[in-house]
């Protein structure tokens, strides 16, 4: 009993530094933002307590434009789930079959994850440049001049143009997680199914995908939460423009706090982003825990 008590004490002592850092860096700022969100404060003068007015204004103030930014973030999350993750899963299933150069392709797909987001933003700014960008130049070479446009300056195309670099950067990240999950599936189980006459499609559909459901759940949560709190790449590419067409809650939050000096309103946006991330994480977990998900109907 004394030995067990000493082991627990040792574990607590080793966890204490991490717990202190987590509290100071994560927990304390959340509570501070919660307090600031109840104030009408410009960051300099004394704040005035206004209760939940900032949260009400998130949805009732047309000038704030929060509802539009929320719609943009949800659209990016939807695109991530229905476009990015299926592509990652397809690559993972293909590589897990043991193709030639498997390790090489894994490394190549994962390289964008290691590159700074600012560098990626600058790279895609050059690709999208309407004068010398490789995208418009390629369309002109193919005789498709009518399709060339100012990709980041057109309200109709800017959100998709922002999503493509996000897709390019993180498809390898999700692919690697799924690849690791697929490799953990028993090889004997797959071989037995193929001996019984199951095609590769059926093996993937009825054996591999259901068995990597925990990995898929994590990937969906990461993709959705990452889209809801996306900031750096959008800030570098468009800063929310043109005319707020690519604005998301995080860029609006930064604009409110550092450009308009509305610290209370910006803090309310920050708290709402945290709430959305928790809500969707719990919702996705609940959906994946339901019977029938990825099972044969």
C-alpha atoms as a PDB file:
ATOM      1  CA  UNK A   1       0.000   0.000   0.000  1.00  0.00           C
ATOM      2  CA  UNK A   2       2.828   2.393   0.866  1.00  0.00           C
ATOM      3  CA  UNK A   3       4.532   1.606  -2.439  1.00  0.00           C
ATOM      4  CA  UNK A   4       1.318   2.324  -4.355  1.00  0.00           C
ATOM      5  CA  UNK A   5       0.907   5.612  -2.486  1.00  0.00           C
ATOM      6  CA  UNK A   6       4.497   6.589  -3.310  1.00  0.00           C
ATOM      7  CA  UNK A   7       3.950   5.764  -6.990  1.00  0.00           C
ATOM      8  CA  UNK A   8       0.850   7.967  -7.094  1.00  0.00           C
ATOM      9  CA  UNK A   9       2.770  10.779  -5.412  1.00  0.00           C
ATOM     10  CA  UNK A  10       5.583  10.437  -7.976  1.00  0.00           C
ATOM     11  CA  UNK A  11       3.088  10.566 -10.837  1.00  0.00           C
ATOM     12  CA  UNK A  12       1.471  13.695  -9.383  1.00  0.00           C
ATOM     13  CA  UNK A  13       4.856  15.391  -8.969  1.00  0.00           C
ATOM     14  CA  UNK A  14       5.820  14.653 -12.576  1.00  0.00           C
ATOM     15  CA  UNK A  15       2.446  15.917 -13.842  1.00  0.00           C
ATOM     16  CA  UNK A  16       2.524  19.085 -11.740  1.00  0.00           C
ATOM     17  CA  UNK A  17       4.778  21.198 -14.065  1.00  0.00           C
ATOM     18  CA  UNK A  18       2.655  20.316 -17.103  1.00  0.00           C
ATOM     19  CA  UNK A  19      -0.527  21.038 -15.144  1.00  0.00           C
ATOM     20  CA  UNK A  20       0.801  24.437 -14.044  1.00  0.00           C
ATOM     21  CA  UNK A  21       1.761  25.367 -17.616  1.00  0.00           C
ATOM     22  CA  UNK A  22      -1.583  24.162 -18.953  1.00  0.00           C
ATOM     23  CA  UNK A  23      -3.424  26.211 -16.339  1.00  0.00           C
ATOM     24  CA  UNK A  24      -1.414  29.380 -17.004  1.00  0.00           C
ATOM     25  CA  UNK A  25      -1.464  29.128 -20.806  1.00  0.00           C
ATOM     26  CA  UNK A  26      -4.943  27.663 -21.440  1.00  0.00           C
ATOM     27  CA  UNK A  27      -7.283  27.784 -18.445  1.00  0.00           C
ATOM     28  CA  UNK A  28      -6.446  31.256 -17.069  1.00  0.00           C
ATOM     29  CA  UNK A  29      -6.716  33.028 -20.475  1.00  0.00           C
ATOM     30  CA  UNK A  30     -10.106  31.371 -21.082  1.00  0.00           C
ATOM     31  CA  UNK A  31     -11.461  32.716 -17.778  1.00  0.00           C
ATOM     32  CA  UNK A  32      -9.929  36.148 -18.474  1.00  0.00           C
ATOM     33  CA  UNK A  33     -11.574  36.228 -21.914  1.00  0.00           C
ATOM     34  CA  UNK A  34     -14.873  35.189 -20.321  1.00  0.00           C
ATOM     35  CA  UNK A  35     -14.609  38.165 -17.963  1.00  0.00           C
ATOM     36  CA  UNK A  36     -13.593  40.610 -20.714  1.00  0.00           C
ATOM     37  CA  UNK A  37     -16.516  39.430 -22.857  1.00  0.00           C
ATOM     38  CA  UNK A  38     -18.882  40.907 -20.264  1.00  0.00           C
ATOM     39  CA  UNK A  39     -17.335  44.361 -20.619  1.00  0.00           C
ATOM     40  CA  UNK A  40     -17.540  47.275 -23.010  1.00  0.00           C
ATOM     41  CA  UNK A  41     -13.791  47.863 -23.050  1.00  0.00           C
ATOM     42  CA  UNK A  42     -11.338  49.425 -25.487  1.00  0.00           C
ATOM     43  CA  UNK A  43      -8.261  47.896 -23.840  1.00  0.00           C
ATOM     44  CA  UNK A  44      -7.096  51.197 -22.377  1.00  0.00           C
ATOM     45  CA  UNK A  45      -9.777  52.877 -20.280  1.00  0.00           C
ATOM     46  CA  UNK A  46     -11.798  51.273 -17.517  1.00  0.00           C
ATOM     47  CA  UNK A  47     -14.248  48.675 -18.816  1.00  0.00           C
ATOM     48  CA  UNK A  48     -17.987  48.974 -18.257  1.00  0.00           C
ATOM     49  CA  UNK A  49     -19.889  45.847 -17.263  1.00  0.00           C
ATOM     50  CA  UNK A  50     -22.631  45.199 -19.837  1.00  0.00           C
ATOM     51  CA  UNK A  51     -23.473  41.560 -19.136  1.00  0.00           C
ATOM     52  CA  UNK A  52     -24.334  39.418 -22.144  1.00  0.00           C
ATOM     53  CA  UNK A  53     -24.791  42.329 -24.542  1.00  0.00           C
ATOM     54  CA  UNK A  54     -21.662  41.423 -26.536  1.00  0.00           C
ATOM     55  CA  UNK A  55     -22.998  37.896 -27.110  1.00  0.00           C
ATOM     56  CA  UNK A  56     -26.370  39.285 -28.194  1.00  0.00           C
ATOM     57  CA  UNK A  57     -24.668  41.669 -30.600  1.00  0.00           C
ATOM     58  CA  UNK A  58     -22.843  38.752 -32.210  1.00  0.00           C
ATOM     59  CA  UNK A  59     -26.102  37.788 -33.900  1.00  0.00           C
ATOM     60  CA  UNK A  60     -28.095  41.035 -33.842  1.00  0.00           C
ATOM     61  CA  UNK A  61     -25.509  43.544 -35.046  1.00  0.00           C
ATOM     62  CA  UNK A  62     -25.331  43.556 -38.869  1.00  0.00           C
ATOM     63  CA  UNK A  63     -22.225  45.769 -38.831  1.00  0.00           C
ATOM     64  CA  UNK A  64     -20.268  43.108 -36.923  1.00  0.00           C
ATOM     65  CA  UNK A  65     -20.852  40.502 -39.642  1.00  0.00           C
ATOM     66  CA  UNK A  66     -20.337  37.597 -37.246  1.00  0.00           C
ATOM     67  CA  UNK A  67     -23.113  35.465 -38.726  1.00  0.00           C
ATOM     68  CA  UNK A  68     -21.453  35.616 -42.166  1.00  0.00           C
ATOM     69  CA  UNK A  69     -18.061  34.675 -40.709  1.00  0.00           C
ATOM     70  CA  UNK A  70     -19.673  31.752 -38.907  1.00  0.00           C
ATOM     71  CA  UNK A  71     -21.214  30.591 -42.186  1.00  0.00           C
ATOM     72  CA  UNK A  72     -17.805  30.782 -43.891  1.00  0.00           C
ATOM     73  CA  UNK A  73     -16.182  28.726 -41.128  1.00  0.00           C
ATOM     74  CA  UNK A  74     -18.918  26.080 -41.264  1.00  0.00           C
ATOM     75  CA  UNK A  75     -18.556  25.892 -45.045  1.00  0.00           C
ATOM     76  CA  UNK A  76     -14.796  25.331 -44.683  1.00  0.00           C
ATOM     77  CA  UNK A  77     -15.530  22.623 -42.104  1.00  0.00           C
ATOM     78  CA  UNK A  78     -17.999  20.943 -44.458  1.00  0.00           C
ATOM     79  CA  UNK A  79     -15.514  21.046 -47.339  1.00  0.00           C
ATOM     80  CA  UNK A  80     -12.835  19.575 -45.089  1.00  0.00           C
ATOM     81  CA  UNK A  81     -15.067  16.632 -44.166  1.00  0.00           C
ATOM     82  CA  UNK A  82     -16.508  15.860 -47.608  1.00  0.00           C
ATOM     83  CA  UNK A  83     -13.437  16.682 -49.730  1.00  0.00           C
ATOM     84  CA  UNK A  84     -10.237  16.598 -47.687  1.00  0.00           C
ATOM     85  CA  UNK A  85     -10.886  13.479 -45.606  1.00  0.00           C
ATOM     86  CA  UNK A  86     -12.084  11.243 -48.483  1.00  0.00           C
ATOM     87  CA  UNK A  87      -8.960  12.190 -50.456  1.00  0.00           C
ATOM     88  CA  UNK A  88      -6.783  11.407 -47.433  1.00  0.00           C
ATOM     89  CA  UNK A  89      -8.557   8.074 -46.925  1.00  0.00           C
ATOM     90  CA  UNK A  90      -8.136   7.150 -50.595  1.00  0.00           C
ATOM     91  CA  UNK A  91      -4.396   7.867 -50.473  1.00  0.00           C
ATOM     92  CA  UNK A  92      -4.038   5.982 -47.188  1.00  0.00           C
ATOM     93  CA  UNK A  93      -5.836   2.902 -48.553  1.00  0.00           C
ATOM     94  CA  UNK A  94      -3.703   2.996 -51.697  1.00  0.00           C
ATOM     95  CA  UNK A  95      -0.388   3.357 -49.857  1.00  0.00           C
ATOM     96  CA  UNK A  96      -1.302   0.706 -47.277  1.00  0.00           C
ATOM     97  CA  UNK A  97      -1.525  -1.878 -50.072  1.00  0.00           C
ATOM     98  CA  UNK A  98       2.276  -1.799 -50.200  1.00  0.00           C
ATOM     99  CA  UNK A  99       2.885  -0.013 -53.493  1.00  0.00           C
ATOM    100  CA  UNK A 100       6.423   0.620 -54.687  1.00  0.00           C
ATOM    101  CA  UNK A 101       7.945   3.716 -53.095  1.00  0.00           C
ATOM    102  CA  UNK A 102       5.481   3.645 -50.201  1.00  0.00           C
ATOM    103  CA  UNK A 103       7.778   5.414 -47.721  1.00  0.00           C
ATOM    104  CA  UNK A 104       8.751   8.026 -50.306  1.00  0.00           C
ATOM    105  CA  UNK A 105       5.151   8.981 -51.029  1.00  0.00           C
ATOM    106  CA  UNK A 106       4.331   9.177 -47.314  1.00  0.00           C
ATOM    107  CA  UNK A 107       7.218  11.599 -46.810  1.00  0.00           C
ATOM    108  CA  UNK A 108       6.233  13.703 -49.838  1.00  0.00           C
ATOM    109  CA  UNK A 109       2.602  14.024 -48.750  1.00  0.00           C
ATOM    110  CA  UNK A 110       3.633  14.922 -45.203  1.00  0.00           C
ATOM    111  CA  UNK A 111       6.112  17.659 -46.164  1.00  0.00           C
ATOM    112  CA  UNK A 112       3.444  20.440 -46.423  1.00  0.00           C
ATOM    113  CA  UNK A 113       2.472  19.766 -42.802  1.00  0.00           C
ATOM    114  CA  UNK A 114       6.015  20.657 -41.718  1.00  0.00           C
ATOM    115  CA  UNK A 115       6.165  23.917 -43.670  1.00  0.00           C
ATOM    116  CA  UNK A 116       5.247  27.159 -41.910  1.00  0.00           C
ATOM    117  CA  UNK A 117       1.704  28.289 -42.693  1.00  0.00           C
ATOM    118  CA  UNK A 118       2.999  31.784 -43.492  1.00  0.00           C
ATOM    119  CA  UNK A 119       5.370  30.313 -46.081  1.00  0.00           C
ATOM    120  CA  UNK A 120       2.511  28.302 -47.585  1.00  0.00           C
ATOM    121  CA  UNK A 121       0.369  31.449 -47.703  1.00  0.00           C
ATOM    122  CA  UNK A 122       3.083  33.356 -49.542  1.00  0.00           C
ATOM    123  CA  UNK A 123       3.551  30.449 -51.962  1.00  0.00           C
ATOM    124  CA  UNK A 124      -0.144  30.332 -52.842  1.00  0.00           C
ATOM    125  CA  UNK A 125      -0.279  34.114 -53.151  1.00  0.00           C
ATOM    126  CA  UNK A 126       2.213  33.737 -56.008  1.00  0.00           C
ATOM    127  CA  UNK A 127       0.234  30.854 -57.522  1.00  0.00           C
ATOM    128  CA  UNK A 128      -2.992  32.886 -57.466  1.00  0.00           C
ATOM    129  CA  UNK A 129      -1.384  36.121 -58.707  1.00  0.00           C
ATOM    130  CA  UNK A 130      -3.566  37.314 -61.629  1.00  0.00           C
ATOM    131  CA  UNK A 131      -0.594  38.605 -63.663  1.00  0.00           C
ATOM    132  CA  UNK A 132       2.202  36.061 -63.313  1.00  0.00           C
ATOM    133  CA  UNK A 133       0.647  33.325 -61.168  1.00  0.00           C
ATOM    134  CA  UNK A 134       1.081  29.761 -62.404  1.00  0.00           C
ATOM    135  CA  UNK A 135      -2.677  29.098 -62.236  1.00  0.00           C
ATOM    136  CA  UNK A 136      -3.731  31.834 -64.646  1.00  0.00           C
ATOM    137  CA  UNK A 137      -0.611  31.261 -66.782  1.00  0.00           C
ATOM    138  CA  UNK A 138      -1.531  27.578 -67.164  1.00  0.00           C
ATOM    139  CA  UNK A 139      -5.100  28.456 -68.148  1.00  0.00           C
ATOM    140  CA  UNK A 140      -3.815  30.898 -70.786  1.00  0.00           C
ATOM    141  CA  UNK A 141      -1.450  28.255 -72.191  1.00  0.00           C
ATOM    142  CA  UNK A 142      -4.417  25.889 -72.524  1.00  0.00           C
ATOM    143  CA  UNK A 143      -6.451  28.536 -74.324  1.00  0.00           C
ATOM    144  CA  UNK A 144      -8.831  28.948 -71.392  1.00  0.00           C
ATOM    145  CA  UNK A 145      -8.392  32.688 -70.983  1.00  0.00           C
ATOM    146  CA  UNK A 146     -12.067  33.081 -70.125  1.00  0.00           C
ATOM    147  CA  UNK A 147     -11.491  31.118 -66.890  1.00  0.00           C
ATOM    148  CA  UNK A 148      -8.691  33.363 -65.625  1.00  0.00           C
ATOM    149  CA  UNK A 149      -9.661  35.721 -62.830  1.00  0.00           C
ATOM    150  CA  UNK A 150      -8.434  37.421 -59.689  1.00  0.00           C
ATOM    151  CA  UNK A 151      -8.951  34.342 -57.552  1.00  0.00           C
ATOM    152  CA  UNK A 152      -8.428  35.984 -54.177  1.00  0.00           C
ATOM    153  CA  UNK A 153     -10.184  39.185 -55.202  1.00  0.00           C
ATOM    154  CA  UNK A 154     -13.428  37.650 -56.466  1.00  0.00           C
ATOM    155  CA  UNK A 155     -16.205  37.096 -53.920  1.00  0.00           C
ATOM    156  CA  UNK A 156     -17.408  34.058 -55.855  1.00  0.00           C
ATOM    157  CA  UNK A 157     -14.098  32.202 -55.799  1.00  0.00           C
ATOM    158  CA  UNK A 158     -12.167  33.473 -52.771  1.00  0.00           C
ATOM    159  CA  UNK A 159     -13.471  30.938 -50.235  1.00  0.00           C
ATOM    160  CA  UNK A 160     -12.699  27.962 -52.492  1.00  0.00           C
ATOM    161  CA  UNK A 161      -9.322  29.528 -53.328  1.00  0.00           C
ATOM    162  CA  UNK A 162      -8.582  29.731 -49.595  1.00  0.00           C
ATOM    163  CA  UNK A 163      -9.699  26.137 -49.001  1.00  0.00           C
ATOM    164  CA  UNK A 164      -7.369  24.630 -51.628  1.00  0.00           C
ATOM    165  CA  UNK A 165      -4.147  25.569 -49.733  1.00  0.00           C
ATOM    166  CA  UNK A 166      -5.742  24.201 -46.536  1.00  0.00           C
ATOM    167  CA  UNK A 167      -6.491  20.974 -48.417  1.00  0.00           C
ATOM    168  CA  UNK A 168      -2.947  20.832 -49.800  1.00  0.00           C
ATOM    169  CA  UNK A 169      -1.354  21.431 -46.398  1.00  0.00           C
ATOM    170  CA  UNK A 170      -3.331  18.983 -44.264  1.00  0.00           C
ATOM    171  CA  UNK A 171      -4.301  16.138 -46.588  1.00  0.00           C
ATOM    172  CA  UNK A 172      -0.983  14.438 -45.772  1.00  0.00           C
ATOM    173  CA  UNK A 173      -1.561  14.840 -42.043  1.00  0.00           C
ATOM    174  CA  UNK A 174      -4.891  13.027 -42.115  1.00  0.00           C
ATOM    175  CA  UNK A 175      -3.516  10.503 -44.589  1.00  0.00           C
ATOM    176  CA  UNK A 176      -0.726   9.554 -42.192  1.00  0.00           C
ATOM    177  CA  UNK A 177      -3.160   9.070 -39.293  1.00  0.00           C
ATOM    178  CA  UNK A 178      -5.410   6.869 -41.438  1.00  0.00           C
ATOM    179  CA  UNK A 179      -2.426   4.996 -42.882  1.00  0.00           C
ATOM    180  CA  UNK A 180      -1.247   4.125 -39.368  1.00  0.00           C
ATOM    181  CA  UNK A 181      -4.754   2.937 -38.492  1.00  0.00           C
ATOM    182  CA  UNK A 182      -5.007   0.768 -41.601  1.00  0.00           C
ATOM    183  CA  UNK A 183      -1.617  -0.799 -40.909  1.00  0.00           C
ATOM    184  CA  UNK A 184      -2.842  -1.801 -37.456  1.00  0.00           C
ATOM    185  CA  UNK A 185      -5.631  -3.927 -38.994  1.00  0.00           C
ATOM    186  CA  UNK A 186      -4.696  -7.607 -38.952  1.00  0.00           C
ATOM    187  CA  UNK A 187      -3.208  -8.712 -42.266  1.00  0.00           C
ATOM    188  CA  UNK A 188      -4.570 -12.220 -41.699  1.00  0.00           C
ATOM    189  CA  UNK A 189      -8.088 -10.829 -41.468  1.00  0.00           C
ATOM    190  CA  UNK A 190      -7.755  -9.055 -44.799  1.00  0.00           C
ATOM    191  CA  UNK A 191      -6.202 -12.071 -46.483  1.00  0.00           C
ATOM    192  CA  UNK A 192      -8.953 -14.352 -45.174  1.00  0.00           C
ATOM    193  CA  UNK A 193     -11.615 -12.063 -46.612  1.00  0.00           C
ATOM    194  CA  UNK A 194      -9.905 -12.021 -50.022  1.00  0.00           C
ATOM    195  CA  UNK A 195      -9.542 -15.812 -49.991  1.00  0.00           C
ATOM    196  CA  UNK A 196     -13.302 -15.999 -49.416  1.00  0.00           C
ATOM    197  CA  UNK A 197     -13.787 -13.968 -52.583  1.00  0.00           C
ATOM    198  CA  UNK A 198     -14.117 -10.429 -51.238  1.00  0.00           C
ATOM    199  CA  UNK A 199     -12.927  -7.720 -53.623  1.00  0.00           C
ATOM    200  CA  UNK A 200     -10.581  -4.935 -52.542  1.00  0.00           C
ATOM    201  CA  UNK A 201     -13.564  -2.577 -52.386  1.00  0.00           C
ATOM    202  CA  UNK A 202     -15.469  -4.906 -50.039  1.00  0.00           C
ATOM    203  CA  UNK A 203     -12.412  -5.441 -47.848  1.00  0.00           C
ATOM    204  CA  UNK A 204     -12.045  -1.690 -47.507  1.00  0.00           C
ATOM    205  CA  UNK A 205     -15.770  -1.082 -47.006  1.00  0.00           C
ATOM    206  CA  UNK A 206     -16.641  -3.864 -44.563  1.00  0.00           C
ATOM    207  CA  UNK A 207     -13.356  -4.584 -42.776  1.00  0.00           C
ATOM    208  CA  UNK A 208     -10.800  -1.784 -42.866  1.00  0.00           C
ATOM    209  CA  UNK A 209     -13.021   1.302 -42.606  1.00  0.00           C
ATOM    210  CA  UNK A 210     -15.160  -0.019 -39.694  1.00  0.00           C
ATOM    211  CA  UNK A 211     -12.013  -1.097 -37.834  1.00  0.00           C
ATOM    212  CA  UNK A 212     -10.345   2.325 -38.135  1.00  0.00           C
ATOM    213  CA  UNK A 213     -13.463   4.163 -36.979  1.00  0.00           C
ATOM    214  CA  UNK A 214     -11.647   5.680 -33.937  1.00  0.00           C
ATOM    215  CA  UNK A 215      -9.013   7.140 -36.269  1.00  0.00           C
ATOM    216  CA  UNK A 216     -11.674   8.497 -38.623  1.00  0.00           C
ATOM    217  CA  UNK A 217     -13.435  10.092 -35.667  1.00  0.00           C
ATOM    218  CA  UNK A 218     -10.233  11.868 -34.627  1.00  0.00           C
ATOM    219  CA  UNK A 219      -9.635  13.050 -38.200  1.00  0.00           C
ATOM    220  CA  UNK A 220     -13.174  14.443 -38.494  1.00  0.00           C
ATOM    221  CA  UNK A 221     -12.819  16.247 -35.158  1.00  0.00           C
ATOM    222  CA  UNK A 222      -9.439  17.705 -36.150  1.00  0.00           C
ATOM    223  CA  UNK A 223     -10.748  18.794 -39.563  1.00  0.00           C
ATOM    224  CA  UNK A 224     -13.869  20.477 -38.180  1.00  0.00           C
ATOM    225  CA  UNK A 225     -12.184  22.165 -35.221  1.00  0.00           C
ATOM    226  CA  UNK A 226      -9.270  23.252 -37.417  1.00  0.00           C
ATOM    227  CA  UNK A 227     -11.703  24.919 -39.828  1.00  0.00           C
ATOM    228  CA  UNK A 228     -13.627  26.642 -37.023  1.00  0.00           C
ATOM    229  CA  UNK A 229     -10.477  28.203 -35.582  1.00  0.00           C
ATOM    230  CA  UNK A 230      -8.620  28.738 -38.880  1.00  0.00           C
ATOM    231  CA  UNK A 231      -6.702  32.005 -38.895  1.00  0.00           C
ATOM    232  CA  UNK A 232      -3.100  32.216 -40.088  1.00  0.00           C
ATOM    233  CA  UNK A 233      -3.475  31.001 -43.670  1.00  0.00           C
ATOM    234  CA  UNK A 234      -6.604  33.086 -44.273  1.00  0.00           C
ATOM    235  CA  UNK A 235      -4.949  36.119 -42.693  1.00  0.00           C
ATOM    236  CA  UNK A 236      -1.927  35.824 -45.008  1.00  0.00           C
ATOM    237  CA  UNK A 237      -3.955  35.150 -48.157  1.00  0.00           C
ATOM    238  CA  UNK A 238      -6.858  37.597 -47.861  1.00  0.00           C
ATOM    239  CA  UNK A 239      -7.092  39.030 -44.332  1.00  0.00           C
ATOM    240  CA  UNK A 240     -10.806  38.282 -44.628  1.00  0.00           C
ATOM    241  CA  UNK A 241     -11.332  40.098 -47.917  1.00  0.00           C
ATOM    242  CA  UNK A 242     -12.605  41.005 -50.380  1.00  0.00           C
ATOM    243  CA  UNK A 243     -15.464  42.774 -48.568  1.00  0.00           C
ATOM    244  CA  UNK A 244     -15.349  40.157 -45.775  1.00  0.00           C
ATOM    245  CA  UNK A 245     -16.144  37.357 -48.259  1.00  0.00           C
ATOM    246  CA  UNK A 246     -13.485  35.107 -46.671  1.00  0.00           C
ATOM    247  CA  UNK A 247     -13.804  36.431 -43.130  1.00  0.00           C
ATOM    248  CA  UNK A 248     -13.930  33.770 -40.425  1.00  0.00           C
ATOM    249  CA  UNK A 249     -14.549  34.214 -36.675  1.00  0.00           C
ATOM    250  CA  UNK A 250     -10.847  34.236 -35.770  1.00  0.00           C
ATOM    251  CA  UNK A 251      -9.918  36.969 -38.280  1.00  0.00           C
ATOM    252  CA  UNK A 252     -12.945  38.995 -37.172  1.00  0.00           C
ATOM    253  CA  UNK A 253     -11.847  38.553 -33.546  1.00  0.00           C
ATOM    254  CA  UNK A 254      -8.355  39.887 -34.291  1.00  0.00           C
ATOM    255  CA  UNK A 255      -9.830  42.791 -36.268  1.00  0.00           C
ATOM    256  CA  UNK A 256     -12.187  43.705 -33.422  1.00  0.00           C
ATOM    257  CA  UNK A 257      -9.476  43.577 -30.758  1.00  0.00           C
ATOM    258  CA  UNK A 258      -6.442  45.069 -32.481  1.00  0.00           C
ATOM    259  CA  UNK A 259      -7.966  47.307 -35.175  1.00  0.00           C
ATOM    260  CA  UNK A 260     -11.250  48.501 -33.680  1.00  0.00           C
ATOM    261  CA  UNK A 261     -10.226  48.296 -29.997  1.00  0.00           C
ATOM    262  CA  UNK A 262     -13.384  46.375 -29.072  1.00  0.00           C
ATOM    263  CA  UNK A 263     -11.799  44.008 -26.597  1.00  0.00           C
ATOM    264  CA  UNK A 264     -15.081  42.950 -25.025  1.00  0.00           C
ATOM    265  CA  UNK A 265     -16.679  42.057 -28.350  1.00  0.00           C
ATOM    266  CA  UNK A 266     -13.536  40.290 -29.550  1.00  0.00           C
ATOM    267  CA  UNK A 267     -13.400  38.262 -26.328  1.00  0.00           C
ATOM    268  CA  UNK A 268     -17.032  37.224 -26.853  1.00  0.00           C
ATOM    269  CA  UNK A 269     -16.060  35.915 -30.301  1.00  0.00           C
ATOM    270  CA  UNK A 270     -13.134  33.997 -28.754  1.00  0.00           C
ATOM    271  CA  UNK A 271     -15.427  32.362 -26.191  1.00  0.00           C
ATOM    272  CA  UNK A 272     -17.939  31.468 -28.889  1.00  0.00           C
ATOM    273  CA  UNK A 273     -15.173  29.815 -30.960  1.00  0.00           C
ATOM    274  CA  UNK A 274     -14.211  27.719 -27.920  1.00  0.00           C
ATOM    275  CA  UNK A 275     -17.847  26.778 -27.378  1.00  0.00           C
ATOM    276  CA  UNK A 276     -18.256  25.767 -31.027  1.00  0.00           C
ATOM    277  CA  UNK A 277     -15.126  23.596 -30.908  1.00  0.00           C
ATOM    278  CA  UNK A 278     -16.337  21.787 -27.788  1.00  0.00           C
ATOM    279  CA  UNK A 279     -19.852  21.419 -29.178  1.00  0.00           C
ATOM    280  CA  UNK A 280     -18.787  19.918 -32.497  1.00  0.00           C
ATOM    281  CA  UNK A 281     -16.190  17.671 -30.848  1.00  0.00           C
ATOM    282  CA  UNK A 282     -18.883  16.207 -28.572  1.00  0.00           C
ATOM    283  CA  UNK A 283     -21.391  16.008 -31.436  1.00  0.00           C
ATOM    284  CA  UNK A 284     -18.981  14.148 -33.711  1.00  0.00           C
ATOM    285  CA  UNK A 285     -18.044  11.789 -30.890  1.00  0.00           C
ATOM    286  CA  UNK A 286     -21.725  11.122 -30.268  1.00  0.00           C
ATOM    287  CA  UNK A 287     -22.385  10.454 -33.967  1.00  0.00           C
ATOM    288  CA  UNK A 288     -19.497   7.991 -34.225  1.00  0.00           C
ATOM    289  CA  UNK A 289     -20.637   6.192 -31.095  1.00  0.00           C
ATOM    290  CA  UNK A 290     -24.087   5.573 -32.604  1.00  0.00           C
ATOM    291  CA  UNK A 291     -24.684   2.038 -33.793  1.00  0.00           C
ATOM    292  CA  UNK A 292     -24.715   1.715 -37.543  1.00  0.00           C
ATOM    293  CA  UNK A 293     -22.111   4.327 -38.393  1.00  0.00           C
ATOM    294  CA  UNK A 294     -19.906   2.751 -41.104  1.00  0.00           C
ATOM    295  CA  UNK A 295     -21.718  -0.512 -40.557  1.00  0.00           C
ATOM    296  CA  UNK A 296     -23.589  -2.341 -43.255  1.00  0.00           C
ATOM    297  CA  UNK A 297     -27.199  -1.170 -43.484  1.00  0.00           C
END
